[in-house]
Amino acid sequence: MSDRTPSEIGDGLVNLRENVTTFFRGKPNLAMAAITVAVGCVAILCHFPTRESAASLGGALFGAAALFTGAWVSETTKAEAEKADAARRMEAARSYFTPELARVVAQHVFILGRLTANFIAASMKYQSLGDRLTAFRPRKPLLYPSAHQFQNLSETDATLLVEFYDASHGIAETVDAWIENKSAIDVNAYNVLMQEVQHSLKLARAAVASFCPNKQFSPIAPASGTLAERIEASISQSQVALQAHIDRAAAARIAAERASAALGQKKR
């Protein structure tokens, strides 16, 4: 006798029913072929409905099973062809958007480099480098998202582009607002833009890893490294510059506090 409890047997029957249901839903033609073959075998073995007609009924059922099997083969072939076509269109869409993505990301790397240089100059109270605000406005993509190939991208790749270009658009909006309001551009303003461009490049990092992980930063200057390497380098340099600014500010504050304390002691 089986050692299984009634509860375990019941669970097994439930699982069997679910598996059969899944099989019928996933491969209905193959399931019908199996059923007709089984019924045909039973009809022949049991001489149903009569001994004389059992062979004819079984043959008819086997013929129906062959038709169902053929339909299943056709469906499977069609599904595989559609899957291969979708994969081909997806890869073609990735190739279509890659050059534009690389150009825009490379511009962000350049923008962050200029922002870092201007931030350092403002922090050290050097003479202004003379970069106009418009130099920090990213270009708008021409292909994204209007090109119909965008619909062929996978959900993951489409999301990567949406997130990066949305961050890029946010930078452009900040620059345009400052130009319109004629805002004063000081060390804090440069820091704000630095943080926004850093954020966009962190999003670009994932997009580049998916679309063009080995893309050269400059096709005419291989020594410049890959786009991914330049992203990391530019982010690192801006973070170092910000930390140096924070350290200088802290040192200046401590020096001012000590000078104030020394002056107070002299007055006493």
Protein backbone atom coordinates (compact mmCIF):
# COMPACT_ATOMS: atom_id res chain seq x y z
CA MET A 1 0.00 0.00 0.00
CA SER A 2 1.04 3.57 -0.57
CA ASP A 3 2.48 5.50 2.37
CA ARG A 4 0.98 8.73 1.06
CA THR A 5 -1.73 10.37 3.12
CA PRO A 6 -5.14 11.26 1.66
CA SER A 7 -4.09 14.91 1.73
CA GLU A 8 -0.94 14.18 -0.30
CA ILE A 9 -2.94 12.09 -2.77
CA GLY A 10 -5.43 14.95 -3.12
CA ASP A 11 -2.63 17.45 -3.75
CA GLY A 12 -1.16 15.11 -6.34
CA LEU A 13 -4.49 14.90 -8.17
CA VAL A 14 -4.81 18.68 -8.10
CA ASN A 15 -1.30 19.06 -9.55
CA LEU A 16 -2.08 16.46 -12.21
CA ARG A 17 -5.24 18.32 -13.19
CA GLU A 18 -3.33 21.60 -13.39
CA ASN A 19 -0.61 20.00 -15.53
CA VAL A 20 -3.18 18.50 -17.89
CA THR A 21 -5.00 21.84 -18.13
CA THR A 22 -1.74 23.64 -18.87
CA PHE A 23 -0.86 21.07 -21.53
CA PHE A 24 -4.26 21.45 -23.24
CA ARG A 25 -4.02 25.24 -23.21
CA GLY A 26 -0.44 25.33 -24.41
CA LYS A 27 -0.66 22.60 -27.06
CA PRO A 28 -4.33 22.00 -27.86
CA ASN A 29 -3.71 20.30 -31.22
CA LEU A 30 -1.13 17.91 -29.79
CA ALA A 31 -3.45 17.15 -26.89
CA MET A 32 -6.32 16.39 -29.26
CA ALA A 33 -4.01 14.15 -31.30
CA ALA A 34 -3.13 12.19 -28.17
CA ILE A 35 -6.81 11.86 -27.22
CA THR A 36 -7.91 10.67 -30.66
CA VAL A 37 -5.10 8.10 -30.79
CA ALA A 38 -6.07 6.83 -27.34
CA VAL A 39 -9.76 6.63 -28.28
CA GLY A 40 -8.87 4.88 -31.54
CA CYS A 41 -6.81 2.28 -29.69
CA VAL A 42 -9.64 1.69 -27.21
CA ALA A 43 -12.16 1.35 -30.06
CA ILE A 44 -10.04 -1.29 -31.82
CA LEU A 45 -9.20 -3.23 -28.66
CA CYS A 46 -12.75 -3.17 -27.33
CA HIS A 47 -14.42 -3.70 -30.74
CA PHE A 48 -16.42 -0.49 -30.34
CA PRO A 49 -19.07 0.09 -31.53
CA THR A 50 -19.02 -3.33 -33.25
CA ARG A 51 -16.31 -5.79 -34.20
CA GLU A 52 -16.78 -4.98 -37.89
CA SER A 53 -16.76 -1.19 -37.59
CA ALA A 54 -14.08 -0.86 -34.88
CA ALA A 55 -11.22 -0.90 -37.39
CA SER A 56 -12.90 1.77 -39.54
CA LEU A 57 -13.54 3.99 -36.52
CA GLY A 58 -9.98 3.52 -35.28
CA GLY A 59 -8.57 4.38 -38.71
CA ALA A 60 -10.69 7.52 -38.87
CA LEU A 61 -9.51 8.57 -35.42
CA PHE A 62 -5.87 7.91 -36.34
CA GLY A 63 -6.38 10.06 -39.45
CA ALA A 64 -7.81 12.84 -37.30
CA ALA A 65 -4.82 12.49 -34.98
CA ALA A 66 -2.50 12.94 -37.96
CA LEU A 67 -4.35 16.14 -38.89
CA PHE A 68 -4.08 17.45 -35.34
CA THR A 69 -0.37 16.58 -35.29
CA GLY A 70 0.16 18.40 -38.57
CA ALA A 71 -1.64 21.46 -37.21
CA TRP A 72 0.57 21.36 -34.11
CA VAL A 73 3.72 21.17 -36.24
CA SER A 74 2.51 24.13 -38.31
CA GLU A 75 1.73 26.16 -35.19
CA THR A 76 5.11 25.34 -33.66
CA THR A 77 6.96 26.26 -36.86
CA LYS A 78 5.00 29.51 -37.16
CA ALA A 79 5.64 30.40 -33.50
CA GLU A 80 9.36 29.75 -33.87
CA ALA A 81 9.48 31.83 -37.06
CA GLU A 82 7.65 34.70 -35.35
CA LYS A 83 9.99 34.47 -32.38
CA ALA A 84 13.04 34.56 -34.65
CA ASP A 85 11.59 37.51 -36.58
CA ALA A 86 10.89 39.40 -33.35
CA ALA A 87 14.47 38.77 -32.19
CA ARG A 88 15.80 39.98 -35.56
CA ARG A 89 13.70 43.16 -35.43
CA MET A 90 14.75 43.75 -31.82
CA GLU A 91 18.43 43.48 -32.69
CA ALA A 92 17.94 45.72 -35.73
CA ALA A 93 16.26 48.32 -33.52
CA ARG A 94 19.17 48.20 -31.05
CA SER A 95 21.61 48.78 -33.91
CA TYR A 96 19.43 51.62 -35.20
CA PHE A 97 19.45 53.57 -31.91
CA THR A 98 23.05 52.81 -30.89
CA PRO A 99 24.90 55.53 -32.90
CA GLU A 100 22.63 58.30 -31.61
CA LEU A 101 22.86 57.01 -28.04
CA ALA A 102 26.66 56.93 -28.26
CA ARG A 103 26.81 60.51 -29.60
CA VAL A 104 24.53 61.92 -26.91
CA VAL A 105 26.31 60.04 -24.11
CA ALA A 106 29.70 61.24 -25.40
CA GLN A 107 28.39 64.79 -25.30
CA HIS A 108 27.31 64.29 -21.67
CA VAL A 109 30.84 63.12 -20.86
CA PHE A 110 32.22 66.29 -22.45
CA ILE A 111 29.67 68.46 -20.61
CA LEU A 112 30.55 66.92 -17.26
CA GLY A 113 34.24 67.52 -17.96
CA ARG A 114 33.63 71.22 -18.66
CA LEU A 115 31.33 71.54 -15.65
CA THR A 116 33.99 69.97 -13.43
CA ALA A 117 36.63 72.39 -14.73
CA ASN A 118 34.33 75.39 -14.18
CA PHE A 119 33.35 74.10 -10.74
CA ILE A 120 37.01 73.82 -9.72
CA ALA A 121 37.75 77.32 -11.03
CA ALA A 122 34.80 78.77 -9.10
CA SER A 123 35.71 76.82 -5.96
CA MET A 124 39.33 78.00 -6.09
CA LYS A 125 38.17 81.53 -7.01
CA TYR A 126 40.13 81.44 -10.25
CA GLN A 127 39.26 83.52 -13.27
CA SER A 128 36.13 82.32 -15.07
CA LEU A 129 36.81 79.86 -17.88
CA GLY A 130 34.25 81.62 -20.06
CA ASP A 131 32.02 78.66 -20.94
CA ARG A 132 28.55 79.83 -21.91
CA LEU A 133 25.54 78.13 -20.34
CA THR A 134 24.45 76.89 -23.74
CA ALA A 135 27.58 74.70 -23.80
CA PHE A 136 26.04 72.66 -20.98
CA ARG A 137 22.74 71.99 -22.79
CA PRO A 138 22.58 68.41 -24.16
CA ARG A 139 21.46 67.87 -27.73
CA LYS A 140 18.00 66.47 -28.28
CA PRO A 141 17.86 63.01 -29.85
CA LEU A 142 16.50 62.94 -33.40
CA LEU A 143 15.44 59.30 -33.63
CA TYR A 144 14.15 58.67 -30.12
CA PRO A 145 11.26 58.14 -29.53
CA SER A 146 9.53 58.99 -32.83
CA ALA A 147 11.21 56.33 -35.01
CA HIS A 148 8.95 53.29 -35.43
CA GLN A 149 11.91 51.01 -34.60
CA PHE A 150 11.45 52.06 -30.97
CA GLN A 151 8.42 49.74 -30.81
CA ASN A 152 10.66 46.78 -31.66
CA LEU A 153 12.95 47.24 -28.66
CA SER A 154 12.57 44.99 -25.66
CA GLU A 155 10.86 46.47 -22.63
CA THR A 156 14.19 46.61 -20.80
CA ASP A 157 16.04 48.42 -23.60
CA ALA A 158 13.17 50.84 -24.16
CA THR A 159 13.14 51.69 -20.45
CA LEU A 160 16.90 52.31 -20.47
CA LEU A 161 16.52 54.84 -23.29
CA VAL A 162 13.51 56.50 -21.66
CA GLU A 163 15.30 56.97 -18.35
CA PHE A 164 18.50 58.34 -19.89
CA TYR A 165 16.87 60.72 -22.35
CA ASP A 166 14.43 61.91 -19.68
CA ALA A 167 17.40 62.83 -17.44
CA SER A 168 19.05 64.54 -20.42
CA HIS A 169 15.89 66.54 -21.05
CA GLY A 170 15.88 67.59 -17.39
CA ILE A 171 19.40 69.02 -17.75
CA ALA A 172 18.34 71.00 -20.83
CA GLU A 173 15.33 72.37 -18.94
CA THR A 174 17.56 73.52 -16.06
CA VAL A 175 19.96 75.29 -18.43
CA ASP A 176 17.12 76.94 -20.36
CA ALA A 177 15.50 78.16 -17.13
CA TRP A 178 18.77 79.69 -15.93
CA ILE A 179 19.29 81.41 -19.28
CA GLU A 180 15.74 82.77 -19.28
CA ASN A 181 15.98 84.00 -15.68
CA LYS A 182 19.55 85.28 -16.16
CA SER A 183 20.56 83.40 -13.04
CA ALA A 184 23.98 84.02 -11.49
CA ILE A 185 26.23 81.03 -12.10
CA ASP A 186 28.43 80.38 -9.09
CA VAL A 187 30.08 77.35 -7.54
CA ASN A 188 26.74 76.08 -6.22
CA ALA A 189 25.11 76.37 -9.65
CA TYR A 190 27.94 74.41 -11.23
CA ASN A 191 27.53 71.79 -8.52
CA VAL A 192 23.81 71.45 -9.26
CA LEU A 193 24.48 70.85 -12.94
CA MET A 194 27.36 68.50 -12.11
CA GLN A 195 25.01 66.36 -10.01
CA GLU A 196 22.37 66.30 -12.76
CA VAL A 197 24.86 65.27 -15.44
CA GLN A 198 26.41 62.68 -13.12
CA HIS A 199 22.93 61.21 -12.63
CA SER A 200 22.31 61.11 -16.37
CA LEU A 201 25.64 59.36 -16.96
CA LYS A 202 24.86 56.77 -14.31
CA LEU A 203 21.69 56.00 -16.27
CA ALA A 204 23.71 56.08 -19.49
CA ARG A 205 26.06 53.51 -17.97
CA ALA A 206 23.29 50.90 -18.02
CA ALA A 207 22.13 51.88 -21.51
CA VAL A 208 25.65 51.69 -22.93
CA ALA A 209 26.22 48.32 -21.24
CA SER A 210 23.16 46.99 -23.06
CA PHE A 211 23.44 48.71 -26.45
CA CYS A 212 27.17 49.20 -27.06
CA PRO A 213 29.43 47.96 -24.23
CA ASN A 214 32.57 48.01 -26.40
CA LYS A 215 31.86 51.23 -28.30
CA GLN A 216 34.92 53.47 -28.67
CA PHE A 217 34.57 56.96 -27.23
CA SER A 218 36.09 58.39 -30.40
CA PRO A 219 36.40 56.34 -33.60
CA ILE A 220 39.36 58.49 -34.71
CA ALA A 221 41.16 58.29 -31.36
CA PRO A 222 41.21 54.67 -30.12
CA ALA A 223 43.52 55.66 -27.26
CA SER A 224 40.63 57.61 -25.74
CA GLY A 225 39.20 54.31 -24.53
CA THR A 226 35.67 53.01 -24.64
CA LEU A 227 32.57 55.05 -23.98
CA ALA A 228 31.94 53.04 -20.81
CA GLU A 229 35.45 53.81 -19.52
CA ARG A 230 35.06 57.52 -20.19
CA ILE A 231 31.75 57.58 -18.34
CA GLU A 232 33.39 56.12 -15.24
CA ALA A 233 36.39 58.46 -15.50
CA SER A 234 34.28 61.60 -15.85
CA ILE A 235 32.04 60.68 -12.91
CA SER A 236 35.08 59.88 -10.77
CA GLN A 237 36.80 63.18 -11.62
CA SER A 238 33.73 65.24 -10.75
CA GLN A 239 33.32 63.37 -7.45
CA VAL A 240 36.98 64.04 -6.59
CA ALA A 241 36.52 67.73 -7.41
CA LEU A 242 33.43 67.95 -5.20
CA GLN A 243 35.17 66.22 -2.30
CA ALA A 244 38.16 68.58 -2.62
CA HIS A 245 35.75 71.54 -2.52
CA ILE A 246 34.08 70.16 0.61
CA ASP A 247 37.47 69.61 2.25
CA ARG A 248 38.58 73.17 1.41
CA ALA A 249 35.36 74.59 2.80
CA ALA A 250 35.77 72.57 6.00
CA ALA A 251 39.40 73.66 6.37
CA ALA A 252 38.44 77.31 5.80
CA ARG A 253 35.69 77.06 8.40
CA ILE A 254 38.06 75.55 10.96
CA ALA A 255 40.67 78.22 10.24
CA ALA A 256 38.04 80.95 10.64
CA GLU A 257 36.88 79.47 13.94
CA ARG A 258 40.44 79.32 15.24
CA ALA A 259 41.14 82.88 14.13
CA SER A 260 37.96 84.06 15.83
CA ALA A 261 38.89 82.22 19.03
CA ALA A 262 42.42 83.69 18.98
CA LEU A 263 41.04 87.19 18.45
CA GLY A 264 38.67 86.71 21.36
CA GLN A 265 41.54 85.70 23.65
CA LYS A 266 43.54 88.79 22.67
CA LYS A 267 40.63 91.05 23.51
CA ARG A 268 40.51 89.55 26.97
